[in-house]
PDB file of N, CA and C in Angstrom:
ATOM      1  N   MET A   1     -24.095 -17.039   0.567  1.00  0.00           N
ATOM      2  CA  MET A   1     -22.910 -16.623   0.035  1.00  0.00           C
ATOM      3  C   MET A   1     -21.876 -16.642   1.282  1.00  0.00           C
ATOM      4  N   ARG A   2     -20.675 -17.296   1.068  1.00  0.00           N
ATOM      5  CA  ARG A   2     -19.772 -17.164   2.137  1.00  0.00           C
ATOM      6  C   ARG A   2     -18.644 -16.159   1.926  1.00  0.00           C
ATOM      7  N   CYS A   3     -18.204 -15.269   2.935  1.00  0.00           N
ATOM      8  CA  CYS A   3     -17.285 -14.293   2.883  1.00  0.00           C
ATOM      9  C   CYS A   3     -16.225 -14.459   3.786  1.00  0.00           C
ATOM     10  N   ASN A   4     -15.201 -14.068   3.541  1.00  0.00           N
ATOM     11  CA  ASN A   4     -14.020 -14.058   4.441  1.00  0.00           C
ATOM     12  C   ASN A   4     -13.645 -12.487   4.595  1.00  0.00           C
ATOM     13  N   PRO A   5     -14.279 -11.580   5.513  1.00  0.00           N
ATOM     14  CA  PRO A   5     -13.986 -10.325   5.573  1.00  0.00           C
ATOM     15  C   PRO A   5     -12.390  -9.875   5.910  1.00  0.00           C
ATOM     16  N   ASP A   6     -11.729 -10.886   6.386  1.00  0.00           N
ATOM     17  CA  ASP A   6     -10.337 -10.539   6.873  1.00  0.00           C
ATOM     18  C   ASP A   6      -9.305 -10.820   5.647  1.00  0.00           C
ATOM     19  N   SER A   7      -9.857 -11.412   4.626  1.00  0.00           N
ATOM     20  CA  SER A   7      -8.976 -11.671   3.428  1.00  0.00           C
ATOM     21  C   SER A   7      -8.398 -10.268   2.891  1.00  0.00           C
ATOM     22  N   TRP A   8      -7.220 -10.214   2.655  1.00  0.00           N
ATOM     23  CA  TRP A   8      -6.560  -8.856   1.942  1.00  0.00           C
ATOM     24  C   TRP A   8      -5.323  -9.100   1.588  1.00  0.00           C
ATOM     25  N   ARG A   9      -5.127  -8.756   0.137  1.00  0.00           N
ATOM     26  CA  ARG A   9      -3.746  -8.778  -0.394  1.00  0.00           C
ATOM     27  C   ARG A   9      -3.219  -7.435  -0.353  1.00  0.00           C
ATOM     28  N   GLU A  10      -2.066  -7.463   0.420  1.00  0.00           N
ATOM     29  CA  GLU A  10      -1.307  -6.237   0.589  1.00  0.00           C
ATOM     30  C   GLU A  10       0.181  -6.515   0.724  1.00  0.00           C
ATOM     31  N   THR A  11       0.983  -5.711   0.023  1.00  0.00           N
ATOM     32  CA  THR A  11       2.311  -5.597   0.228  1.00  0.00           C
ATOM     33  C   THR A  11       2.718  -4.524   1.036  1.00  0.00           C
ATOM     34  N   ILE A  12       3.340  -4.564   2.028  1.00  0.00           N
ATOM     35  CA  ILE A  12       3.727  -3.440   2.888  1.00  0.00           C
ATOM     36  C   ILE A  12       5.244  -3.199   2.786  1.00  0.00           C
ATOM     37  N   LEU A  13       5.623  -2.103   2.357  1.00  0.00           N
ATOM     38  CA  LEU A  13       7.156  -1.636   2.386  1.00  0.00           C
ATOM     39  C   LEU A  13       7.319  -0.801   3.620  1.00  0.00           C
ATOM     40  N   GLN A  14       8.274  -1.269   4.524  1.00  0.00           N
ATOM     41  CA  GLN A  14       8.381  -0.429   5.690  1.00  0.00           C
ATOM     42  C   GLN A  14       9.744   0.232   5.480  1.00  0.00           C
ATOM     43  N   VAL A  15       9.883   1.584   5.822  1.00  0.00           N
ATOM     44  CA  VAL A  15      11.011   2.475   5.507  1.00  0.00           C
ATOM     45  C   VAL A  15      11.328   3.100   6.870  1.00  0.00           C
ATOM     46  N   GLU A  16      12.439   2.684   7.434  1.00  0.00           N
ATOM     47  CA  GLU A  16      12.735   3.355   8.807  1.00  0.00           C
ATOM     48  C   GLU A  16      14.018   4.233   8.669  1.00  0.00           C
ATOM     49  N   ASP A  17      14.921   3.951   7.781  1.00  0.00           N
ATOM     50  CA  ASP A  17      16.064   4.650   7.429  1.00  0.00           C
ATOM     51  C   ASP A  17      15.942   6.039   6.675  1.00  0.00           C
ATOM     52  N   LEU A  18      15.385   7.021   7.369  1.00  0.00           N
ATOM     53  CA  LEU A  18      15.147   8.138   6.790  1.00  0.00           C
ATOM     54  C   LEU A  18      16.362   8.948   6.692  1.00  0.00           C
ATOM     55  N   ALA A  19      16.409   9.858   5.713  1.00  0.00           N
ATOM     56  CA  ALA A  19      17.542  10.766   5.636  1.00  0.00           C
ATOM     57  C   ALA A  19      17.517  11.847   6.509  1.00  0.00           C
ATOM     58  N   PRO A  20      18.661  12.283   7.180  1.00  0.00           N
ATOM     59  CA  PRO A  20      18.326  13.452   8.347  1.00  0.00           C
ATOM     60  C   PRO A  20      17.828  14.528   7.816  1.00  0.00           C
ATOM     61  N   ALA A  21      17.112  15.420   8.596  1.00  0.00           N
ATOM     62  CA  ALA A  21      16.255  16.411   8.268  1.00  0.00           C
ATOM     63  C   ALA A  21      17.143  17.442   7.443  1.00  0.00           C
ATOM     64  N   GLY A  22      16.651  18.061   6.351  1.00  0.00           N
ATOM     65  CA  GLY A  22      17.316  19.160   5.578  1.00  0.00           C
ATOM     66  C   GLY A  22      18.189  18.586   4.372  1.00  0.00           C
ATOM     67  N   THR A  23      18.318  17.089   4.431  1.00  0.00           N
ATOM     68  CA  THR A  23      19.130  16.501   3.400  1.00  0.00           C
ATOM     69  C   THR A  23      18.147  15.931   2.405  1.00  0.00           C
ATOM     70  N   HIS A  24      18.794  15.686   1.218  1.00  0.00           N
ATOM     71  CA  HIS A  24      17.921  14.919   0.188  1.00  0.00           C
ATOM     72  C   HIS A  24      18.419  13.847  -0.351  1.00  0.00           C
ATOM     73  N   GLU A  25      18.755  12.766   0.512  1.00  0.00           N
ATOM     74  CA  GLU A  25      19.405  11.551   0.092  1.00  0.00           C
ATOM     75  C   GLU A  25      18.342  10.503  -0.256  1.00  0.00           C
ATOM     76  N   PHE A  26      18.378   9.939  -1.431  1.00  0.00           N
ATOM     77  CA  PHE A  26      17.422   9.040  -1.896  1.00  0.00           C
ATOM     78  C   PHE A  26      18.188   7.649  -2.174  1.00  0.00           C
ATOM     79  N   LEU A  27      17.019   6.848  -2.300  1.00  0.00           N
ATOM     80  CA  LEU A  27      17.368   5.400  -2.256  1.00  0.00           C
ATOM     81  C   LEU A  27      17.602   4.968  -3.847  1.00  0.00           C
ATOM     82  N   ALA A  28      18.753   4.548  -4.217  1.00  0.00           N
ATOM     83  CA  ALA A  28      19.001   4.425  -5.575  1.00  0.00           C
ATOM     84  C   ALA A  28      18.134   3.070  -6.088  1.00  0.00           C
ATOM     85  N   VAL A  29      17.528   3.365  -7.378  1.00  0.00           N
ATOM     86  CA  VAL A  29      16.695   2.399  -7.856  1.00  0.00           C
ATOM     87  C   VAL A  29      17.071   1.006  -7.846  1.00  0.00           C
ATOM     88  N   GLU A  30      18.411   0.746  -8.056  1.00  0.00           N
ATOM     89  CA  GLU A  30      18.943  -0.340  -8.270  1.00  0.00           C
ATOM     90  C   GLU A  30      19.165  -1.140  -6.860  1.00  0.00           C
ATOM     91  N   LYS A  31      19.444  -0.378  -6.026  1.00  0.00           N
ATOM     92  CA  LYS A  31      19.490  -0.845  -4.442  1.00  0.00           C
ATOM     93  C   LYS A  31      17.982  -1.217  -4.216  1.00  0.00           C
ATOM     94  N   PHE A  32      17.142  -0.561  -4.658  1.00  0.00           N
ATOM     95  CA  PHE A  32      15.560  -0.868  -4.203  1.00  0.00           C
ATOM     96  C   PHE A  32      15.192  -2.051  -4.864  1.00  0.00           C
ATOM     97  N   ARG A  33      15.674  -2.218  -6.055  1.00  0.00           N
ATOM     98  CA  ARG A  33      15.305  -3.685  -6.863  1.00  0.00           C
ATOM     99  C   ARG A  33      16.011  -4.797  -6.226  1.00  0.00           C
ATOM    100  N   SER A  34      17.189  -4.441  -5.757  1.00  0.00           N
ATOM    101  CA  SER A  34      18.036  -5.500  -5.085  1.00  0.00           C
ATOM    102  C   SER A  34      17.192  -5.970  -3.957  1.00  0.00           C
ATOM    103  N   ILE A  35      16.868  -5.080  -3.174  1.00  0.00           N
ATOM    104  CA  ILE A  35      16.139  -5.439  -1.902  1.00  0.00           C
ATOM    105  C   ILE A  35      14.839  -6.300  -2.190  1.00  0.00           C
ATOM    106  N   LEU A  36      14.113  -5.702  -3.218  1.00  0.00           N
ATOM    107  CA  LEU A  36      12.947  -6.473  -3.498  1.00  0.00           C
ATOM    108  C   LEU A  36      13.031  -7.827  -4.150  1.00  0.00           C
ATOM    109  N   ARG A  37      14.248  -8.043  -4.888  1.00  0.00           N
ATOM    110  CA  ARG A  37      14.526  -9.564  -5.261  1.00  0.00           C
ATOM    111  C   ARG A  37      14.999 -10.288  -4.172  1.00  0.00           C
ATOM    112  N   GLN A  38      15.643  -9.900  -3.195  1.00  0.00           N
ATOM    113  CA  GLN A  38      15.826 -10.688  -2.131  1.00  0.00           C
ATOM    114  C   GLN A  38      14.656 -11.124  -1.231  1.00  0.00           C
ATOM    115  N   VAL A  39      13.785 -10.096  -1.133  1.00  0.00           N
ATOM    116  CA  VAL A  39      12.425 -10.598  -0.447  1.00  0.00           C
ATOM    117  C   VAL A  39      11.826 -11.486  -1.226  1.00  0.00           C
ATOM    118  N   ASP A  40      11.569 -11.179  -2.666  1.00  0.00           N
ATOM    119  CA  ASP A  40      10.815 -12.137  -3.362  1.00  0.00           C
ATOM    120  C   ASP A  40      11.346 -13.573  -3.411  1.00  0.00           C
ATOM    121  N   ARG A  41      12.864 -13.775  -3.178  1.00  0.00           N
ATOM    122  CA  ARG A  41      13.329 -15.183  -3.075  1.00  0.00           C
ATOM    123  C   ARG A  41      12.790 -15.781  -1.805  1.00  0.00           C
ATOM    124  N   HIS A  42      12.563 -15.068  -0.640  1.00  0.00           N
ATOM    125  CA  HIS A  42      12.057 -15.755   0.347  1.00  0.00           C
ATOM    126  C   HIS A  42      10.540 -15.785   0.634  1.00  0.00           C
ATOM    127  N   LEU A  43       9.896 -14.677  -0.055  1.00  0.00           N
ATOM    128  CA  LEU A  43       8.631 -14.599   0.266  1.00  0.00           C
ATOM    129  C   LEU A  43       8.191 -14.006  -1.174  1.00  0.00           C
ATOM    130  N   PRO A  44       7.428 -14.974  -2.010  1.00  0.00           N
ATOM    131  CA  PRO A  44       7.073 -14.510  -3.375  1.00  0.00           C
ATOM    132  C   PRO A  44       6.089 -13.040  -3.291  1.00  0.00           C
ATOM    133  N   LEU A  45       6.427 -12.200  -3.895  1.00  0.00           N
ATOM    134  CA  LEU A  45       5.446 -11.067  -3.932  1.00  0.00           C
ATOM    135  C   LEU A  45       4.349 -11.297  -4.888  1.00  0.00           C
ATOM    136  N   ASP A  46       3.117 -10.743  -4.414  1.00  0.00           N
ATOM    137  CA  ASP A  46       2.082 -10.715  -5.315  1.00  0.00           C
ATOM    138  C   ASP A  46       1.816  -9.449  -6.042  1.00  0.00           C
ATOM    139  N   PRO A  47       2.055  -9.495  -7.388  1.00  0.00           N
ATOM    140  CA  PRO A  47       1.998  -8.426  -8.328  1.00  0.00           C
ATOM    141  C   PRO A  47       0.681  -7.623  -8.177  1.00  0.00           C
ATOM    142  N   ASP A  48      -0.310  -8.472  -7.908  1.00  0.00           N
ATOM    143  CA  ASP A  48      -1.735  -7.645  -7.921  1.00  0.00           C
ATOM    144  C   ASP A  48      -2.060  -7.346  -6.400  1.00  0.00           C
ATOM    145  N   ALA A  49      -1.289  -7.475  -5.466  1.00  0.00           N
ATOM    146  CA  ALA A  49      -1.543  -6.912  -4.112  1.00  0.00           C
ATOM    147  C   ALA A  49      -1.357  -5.308  -4.113  1.00  0.00           C
ATOM    148  N   ARG A  50      -2.256  -4.672  -3.073  1.00  0.00           N
ATOM    149  CA  ARG A  50      -2.401  -3.321  -2.834  1.00  0.00           C
ATOM    150  C   ARG A  50      -1.060  -2.999  -2.339  1.00  0.00           C
ATOM    151  N   LEU A  51      -0.254  -1.866  -2.591  1.00  0.00           N
ATOM    152  CA  LEU A  51       0.990  -1.545  -2.176  1.00  0.00           C
ATOM    153  C   LEU A  51       0.827  -0.335  -1.210  1.00  0.00           C
ATOM    154  N   THR A  52       1.493  -0.613   0.023  1.00  0.00           N
ATOM    155  CA  THR A  52       1.346   0.354   1.184  1.00  0.00           C
ATOM    156  C   THR A  52       2.922   0.585   1.477  1.00  0.00           C
ATOM    157  N   PHE A  53       3.142   1.840   1.884  1.00  0.00           N
ATOM    158  CA  PHE A  53       4.310   2.157   2.524  1.00  0.00           C
ATOM    159  C   PHE A  53       4.069   2.510   3.987  1.00  0.00           C
ATOM    160  N   GLU A  54       4.839   1.992   4.850  1.00  0.00           N
ATOM    161  CA  GLU A  54       4.829   2.377   6.420  1.00  0.00           C
ATOM    162  C   GLU A  54       6.153   3.075   6.526  1.00  0.00           C
ATOM    163  N   ILE A  55       6.148   4.456   6.861  1.00  0.00           N
ATOM    164  CA  ILE A  55       7.290   5.174   7.031  1.00  0.00           C
ATOM    165  C   ILE A  55       7.419   5.955   8.551  1.00  0.00           C
ATOM    166  N   GLY A  56       8.470   5.716   9.001  1.00  0.00           N
ATOM    167  CA  GLY A  56       8.768   6.331  10.436  1.00  0.00           C
ATOM    168  C   GLY A  56      10.215   6.435  10.735  1.00  0.00           C
ATOM    169  N   SER A  57      10.671   7.339  11.648  1.00  0.00           N
ATOM    170  CA  SER A  57      11.939   7.416  12.022  1.00  0.00           C
ATOM    171  C   SER A  57      12.125   6.394  12.984  1.00  0.00           C
ATOM    172  N   PRO A  58      13.348   5.821  13.263  1.00  0.00           N
ATOM    173  CA  PRO A  58      13.563   4.696  14.160  1.00  0.00           C
ATOM    174  C   PRO A  58      13.014   5.298  15.487  1.00  0.00           C
ATOM    175  N   GLY A  59      12.311   4.757  16.381  1.00  0.00           N
ATOM    176  CA  GLY A  59      11.735   4.801  17.725  1.00  0.00           C
ATOM    177  C   GLY A  59      10.554   5.785  17.590  1.00  0.00           C
ATOM    178  N   ALA A  60      10.058   5.940  16.436  1.00  0.00           N
ATOM    179  CA  ALA A  60       8.660   6.637  16.328  1.00  0.00           C
ATOM    180  C   ALA A  60       7.717   5.739  15.689  1.00  0.00           C
ATOM    181  N   ALA A  61       6.451   6.182  15.857  1.00  0.00           N
ATOM    182  CA  ALA A  61       5.245   5.467  15.276  1.00  0.00           C
ATOM    183  C   ALA A  61       5.381   5.499  13.779  1.00  0.00           C
ATOM    184  N   MET A  62       5.283   4.231  13.239  1.00  0.00           N
ATOM    185  CA  MET A  62       5.003   4.301  11.593  1.00  0.00           C
ATOM    186  C   MET A  62       3.626   4.998  11.191  1.00  0.00           C
ATOM    187  N   GLN A  63       3.813   5.556   9.922  1.00  0.00           N
ATOM    188  CA  GLN A  63       2.652   6.244   9.372  1.00  0.00           C
ATOM    189  C   GLN A  63       2.271   5.521   8.089  1.00  0.00           C
ATOM    190  N   VAL A  64       1.128   5.229   7.637  1.00  0.00           N
ATOM    191  CA  VAL A  64       0.636   4.468   6.572  1.00  0.00           C
ATOM    192  C   VAL A  64       0.673   5.537   5.112  1.00  0.00           C
ATOM    193  N   PHE A  65       1.103   5.160   4.183  1.00  0.00           N
ATOM    194  CA  PHE A  65       0.965   5.902   2.909  1.00  0.00           C
ATOM    195  C   PHE A  65       0.669   5.108   1.661  1.00  0.00           C
ATOM    196  N   ASP A  66      -0.032   5.493   0.949  1.00  0.00           N
ATOM    197  CA  ASP A  66      -0.561   5.175  -0.426  1.00  0.00           C
ATOM    198  C   ASP A  66       0.360   5.820  -1.498  1.00  0.00           C
ATOM    199  N   VAL A  67       0.531   5.193  -2.673  1.00  0.00           N
ATOM    200  CA  VAL A  67       1.143   6.002  -3.719  1.00  0.00           C
ATOM    201  C   VAL A  67       0.128   6.831  -4.545  1.00  0.00           C
ATOM    202  N   ASN A  68       0.142   8.212  -4.372  1.00  0.00           N
ATOM    203  CA  ASN A  68      -0.678   9.023  -5.159  1.00  0.00           C
ATOM    204  C   ASN A  68      -0.462   8.974  -6.499  1.00  0.00           C
ATOM    205  N   SER A  69       0.859   9.146  -6.948  1.00  0.00           N
ATOM    206  CA  SER A  69       1.203   9.236  -8.242  1.00  0.00           C
ATOM    207  C   SER A  69       2.750   8.810  -8.425  1.00  0.00           C
ATOM    208  N   MET A  70       3.078   8.439  -9.670  1.00  0.00           N
ATOM    209  CA  MET A  70       4.468   8.070  -9.913  1.00  0.00           C
ATOM    210  C   MET A  70       4.938   8.679 -11.158  1.00  0.00           C
ATOM    211  N   ARG A  71       6.120   9.286 -11.229  1.00  0.00           N
ATOM    212  CA  ARG A  71       6.670  10.026 -12.265  1.00  0.00           C
ATOM    213  C   ARG A  71       8.211   9.202 -12.652  1.00  0.00           C
ATOM    214  N   VAL A  72       8.149   8.701 -13.968  1.00  0.00           N
ATOM    215  CA  VAL A  72       9.478   8.128 -14.343  1.00  0.00           C
ATOM    216  C   VAL A  72      10.355   9.229 -15.111  1.00  0.00           C
ATOM    217  N   ASP A  73      11.444   9.572 -14.487  1.00  0.00           N
ATOM    218  CA  ASP A  73      12.234  10.484 -15.376  1.00  0.00           C
ATOM    219  C   ASP A  73      13.495   9.733 -15.829  1.00  0.00           C
ATOM    220  N   LYS A  74      14.304  10.397 -16.593  1.00  0.00           N
ATOM    221  CA  LYS A  74      15.530   9.698 -17.261  1.00  0.00           C
ATOM    222  C   LYS A  74      16.298   9.002 -16.313  1.00  0.00           C
ATOM    223  N   ASP A  75      16.613   9.619 -15.152  1.00  0.00           N
ATOM    224  CA  ASP A  75      17.492   8.958 -14.087  1.00  0.00           C
ATOM    225  C   ASP A  75      16.757   8.735 -12.743  1.00  0.00           C
ATOM    226  N   SER A  76      15.497   8.792 -12.679  1.00  0.00           N
ATOM    227  CA  SER A  76      14.939   8.473 -11.339  1.00  0.00           C
ATOM    228  C   SER A  76      13.329   8.089 -11.483  1.00  0.00           C
ATOM    229  N   ILE A  77      12.952   7.563 -10.539  1.00  0.00           N
ATOM    230  CA  ILE A  77      11.459   7.293 -10.488  1.00  0.00           C
ATOM    231  C   ILE A  77      10.948   8.057  -9.098  1.00  0.00           C
ATOM    232  N   VAL A  78      10.001   9.000  -9.212  1.00  0.00           N
ATOM    233  CA  VAL A  78       9.644   9.586  -8.156  1.00  0.00           C
ATOM    234  C   VAL A  78       8.041   9.225  -7.784  1.00  0.00           C
ATOM    235  N   LEU A  79       8.115   8.856  -6.411  1.00  0.00           N
ATOM    236  CA  LEU A  79       6.704   8.457  -5.975  1.00  0.00           C
ATOM    237  C   LEU A  79       6.177   9.539  -5.146  1.00  0.00           C
ATOM    238  N   ALA A  80       4.991   9.810  -5.440  1.00  0.00           N
ATOM    239  CA  ALA A  80       4.378  10.916  -4.449  1.00  0.00           C
ATOM    240  C   ALA A  80       3.453  10.105  -3.677  1.00  0.00           C
ATOM    241  N   LEU A  81       3.644  10.131  -2.243  1.00  0.00           N
ATOM    242  CA  LEU A  81       2.940   9.359  -1.291  1.00  0.00           C
ATOM    243  C   LEU A  81       2.012  10.265  -0.651  1.00  0.00           C
ATOM    244  N   GLY A  82       0.852   9.648  -0.194  1.00  0.00           N
ATOM    245  CA  GLY A  82      -0.103  10.465   0.474  1.00  0.00           C
ATOM    246  C   GLY A  82      -0.598   9.772   1.651  1.00  0.00           C
ATOM    247  N   ALA A  83      -0.755  10.181   2.771  1.00  0.00           N
ATOM    248  CA  ALA A  83      -1.401   9.643   4.178  1.00  0.00           C
ATOM    249  C   ALA A  83      -2.470   9.037   3.847  1.00  0.00           C
ATOM    250  N   ARG A  84      -2.575   7.689   4.459  1.00  0.00           N
ATOM    251  CA  ARG A  84      -3.777   6.985   4.204  1.00  0.00           C
ATOM    252  C   ARG A  84      -4.580   6.807   5.540  1.00  0.00           C
ATOM    253  N   SER A  85      -5.837   7.194   5.418  1.00  0.00           N
ATOM    254  CA  SER A  85      -6.597   7.097   6.696  1.00  0.00           C
ATOM    255  C   SER A  85      -7.211   5.676   6.709  1.00  0.00           C
ATOM    256  N   ALA A  86      -7.854   5.403   7.782  1.00  0.00           N
ATOM    257  CA  ALA A  86      -8.449   3.929   7.973  1.00  0.00           C
ATOM    258  C   ALA A  86      -9.399   3.811   6.752  1.00  0.00           C
ATOM    259  N   ILE A  87      -9.358   2.616   6.336  1.00  0.00           N
ATOM    260  CA  ILE A  87     -10.285   2.101   5.154  1.00  0.00           C
ATOM    261  C   ILE A  87     -11.228   0.991   5.461  1.00  0.00           C
ATOM    262  N   CYS A  88     -12.279   0.947   4.886  1.00  0.00           N
ATOM    263  CA  CYS A  88     -13.114  -0.248   4.932  1.00  0.00           C
ATOM    264  C   CYS A  88     -12.563  -1.331   3.930  1.00  0.00           C
ATOM    265  N   LYS A  89     -12.098  -2.333   4.340  1.00  0.00           N
ATOM    266  CA  LYS A  89     -11.533  -3.117   3.544  1.00  0.00           C
ATOM    267  C   LYS A  89     -12.563  -3.863   2.416  1.00  0.00           C
ATOM    268  N   PRO A  90     -13.687  -4.317   3.017  1.00  0.00           N
ATOM    269  CA  PRO A  90     -14.668  -4.934   2.120  1.00  0.00           C
ATOM    270  C   PRO A  90     -15.140  -3.863   1.041  1.00  0.00           C
ATOM    271  N   ARG A  91     -15.438  -2.357   1.424  1.00  0.00           N
ATOM    272  CA  ARG A  91     -15.860  -1.426   0.520  1.00  0.00           C
ATOM    273  C   ARG A  91     -14.803  -1.196  -0.495  1.00  0.00           C
ATOM    274  N   TYR A  92     -13.478  -1.351  -0.087  1.00  0.00           N
ATOM    275  CA  TYR A  92     -12.346  -0.938  -1.036  1.00  0.00           C
ATOM    276  C   TYR A  92     -12.371  -2.064  -2.170  1.00  0.00           C
ATOM    277  N   ARG A  93     -12.532  -3.387  -1.656  1.00  0.00           N
ATOM    278  CA  ARG A  93     -12.592  -4.497  -2.519  1.00  0.00           C
ATOM    279  C   ARG A  93     -13.697  -4.443  -3.556  1.00  0.00           C
ATOM    280  N   SER A  94     -14.784  -4.135  -3.044  1.00  0.00           N
ATOM    281  CA  SER A  94     -16.014  -3.882  -3.876  1.00  0.00           C
ATOM    282  C   SER A  94     -15.819  -2.805  -5.024  1.00  0.00           C
ATOM    283  N   GLN A  95     -15.096  -1.771  -4.504  1.00  0.00           N
ATOM    284  CA  GLN A  95     -14.778  -0.685  -5.519  1.00  0.00           C
ATOM    285  C   GLN A  95     -13.845  -0.914  -6.522  1.00  0.00           C
ATOM    286  N   GLN A  96     -12.810  -1.982  -6.175  1.00  0.00           N
ATOM    287  CA  GLN A  96     -11.872  -2.593  -7.178  1.00  0.00           C
ATOM    288  C   GLN A  96     -12.511  -3.575  -8.069  1.00  0.00           C
ATOM    289  N   GLN A  97     -13.380  -4.121  -7.623  1.00  0.00           N
ATOM    290  CA  GLN A  97     -14.053  -5.314  -8.444  1.00  0.00           C
ATOM    291  C   GLN A  97     -15.156  -4.686  -9.447  1.00  0.00           C
ATOM    292  N   ALA A  98     -15.324  -3.293  -9.482  1.00  0.00           N
ATOM    293  CA  ALA A  98     -16.390  -2.543 -10.232  1.00  0.00           C
ATOM    294  C   ALA A  98     -17.288  -3.456 -11.175  1.00  0.00           C
ATOM    295  N   GLY A  99     -18.480  -3.604 -10.552  1.00  0.00           N
ATOM    296  CA  GLY A  99     -19.396  -4.480 -11.418  1.00  0.00           C
ATOM    297  C   GLY A  99     -19.656  -5.739 -10.915  1.00  0.00           C
ATOM    298  N   GLN A 100     -18.568  -6.460 -10.198  1.00  0.00           N
ATOM    299  CA  GLN A 100     -18.682  -7.655  -9.670  1.00  0.00           C
ATOM    300  C   GLN A 100     -19.577  -7.582  -8.250  1.00  0.00           C
ATOM    301  N   SER A 101     -20.380  -8.565  -7.908  1.00  0.00           N
ATOM    302  CA  SER A 101     -20.954  -8.511  -6.563  1.00  0.00           C
ATOM    303  C   SER A 101     -19.915  -8.676  -5.507  1.00  0.00           C
ATOM    304  N   ALA A 102     -19.992  -7.973  -4.419  1.00  0.00           N
ATOM    305  CA  ALA A 102     -19.009  -8.145  -3.364  1.00  0.00           C
ATOM    306  C   ALA A 102     -19.737  -8.630  -2.129  1.00  0.00           C
ATOM    307  N   CYS A 103     -19.269  -9.435  -1.133  1.00  0.00           N
ATOM    308  CA  CYS A 103     -20.098  -9.984  -0.139  1.00  0.00           C
ATOM    309  C   CYS A 103     -20.535  -8.676   0.760  1.00  0.00           C
ATOM    310  N   CYS A 104     -19.784  -7.688   0.785  1.00  0.00           N
ATOM    311  CA  CYS A 104     -20.292  -6.787   1.819  1.00  0.00           C
ATOM    312  C   CYS A 104     -20.427  -5.347   1.058  1.00  0.00           C
ATOM    313  N   ALA A 105     -21.106  -5.530  -0.103  1.00  0.00           N
ATOM    314  CA  ALA A 105     -21.602  -4.287  -0.826  1.00  0.00           C
ATOM    315  C   ALA A 105     -22.547  -3.645  -0.159  1.00  0.00           C
ATOM    316  N   PRO A 106     -22.680  -2.266  -0.185  1.00  0.00           N
ATOM    317  CA  PRO A 106     -23.555  -1.371   0.384  1.00  0.00           C
ATOM    318  C   PRO A 106     -25.069  -1.915   0.029  1.00  0.00           C
ATOM    319  N   SER A 107     -25.892  -1.913   1.279  1.00  0.00           N
ATOM    320  CA  SER A 107     -27.155  -2.221   1.050  1.00  0.00           C
ATOM    321  C   SER A 107     -28.001  -0.987   0.603  1.00  0.00           C
ATOM    322  N   GLN A 108     -29.374  -1.148   0.558  1.00  0.00           N
ATOM    323  CA  GLN A 108     -30.305  -0.076   0.190  1.00  0.00           C
ATOM    324  C   GLN A 108     -30.506   0.804   1.251  1.00  0.00           C
ATOM    325  N   THR A 109     -29.992   0.361   2.453  1.00  0.00           N
ATOM    326  CA  THR A 109     -30.277   1.302   3.799  1.00  0.00           C
ATOM    327  C   THR A 109     -29.067   2.284   3.794  1.00  0.00           C
ATOM    328  N   ALA A 110     -29.327   3.428   4.619  1.00  0.00           N
ATOM    329  CA  ALA A 110     -28.471   4.254   4.811  1.00  0.00           C
ATOM    330  C   ALA A 110     -27.084   3.904   5.231  1.00  0.00           C
ATOM    331  N   ARG A 111     -27.119   2.911   6.154  1.00  0.00           N
ATOM    332  CA  ARG A 111     -25.897   2.227   6.735  1.00  0.00           C
ATOM    333  C   ARG A 111     -25.269   1.033   5.822  1.00  0.00           C
ATOM    334  N   SER A 112     -24.267   1.110   5.360  1.00  0.00           N
ATOM    335  CA  SER A 112     -23.919  -0.008   4.568  1.00  0.00           C
ATOM    336  C   SER A 112     -23.604  -1.317   4.997  1.00  0.00           C
ATOM    337  N   GLY A 113     -23.468  -1.396   6.509  1.00  0.00           N
ATOM    338  CA  GLY A 113     -23.112  -2.756   6.965  1.00  0.00           C
ATOM    339  C   GLY A 113     -21.669  -3.149   6.813  1.00  0.00           C
ATOM    340  N   CYS A 114     -21.022  -2.259   6.094  1.00  0.00           N
ATOM    341  CA  CYS A 114     -19.760  -2.801   5.730  1.00  0.00           C
ATOM    342  C   CYS A 114     -18.512  -2.562   6.673  1.00  0.00           C
ATOM    343  N   CYS A 115     -18.733  -1.500   7.364  1.00  0.00           N
ATOM    344  CA  CYS A 115     -17.618  -1.137   8.640  1.00  0.00           C
ATOM    345  C   CYS A 115     -18.545  -0.950   9.746  1.00  0.00           C
TER     346      CYS A 115
END
């Protein structure tokens, strides 16, 4: 069986323009959608890709977050983000494919050989 362990479909949204500390300025949904439409015209977005947020203040290191939950209200959409630690991509893929054999699925030994 041939495997490409570097193959990974992911959409990364980078956010650098954070509101000043102590304020609660939010990005309007329509502005967010407009930005995504512009990106999609130049580079089609994969609707099945993993969604990742990279967030950081200008001049600071970016931090990686996943969406833990989403709440849709009358006038807003609230994403609860959670920090993401390093992950084993082959193990993540095998978990997502539940039931399908993955090239790097855990073996019978204590060490999976995945990472």
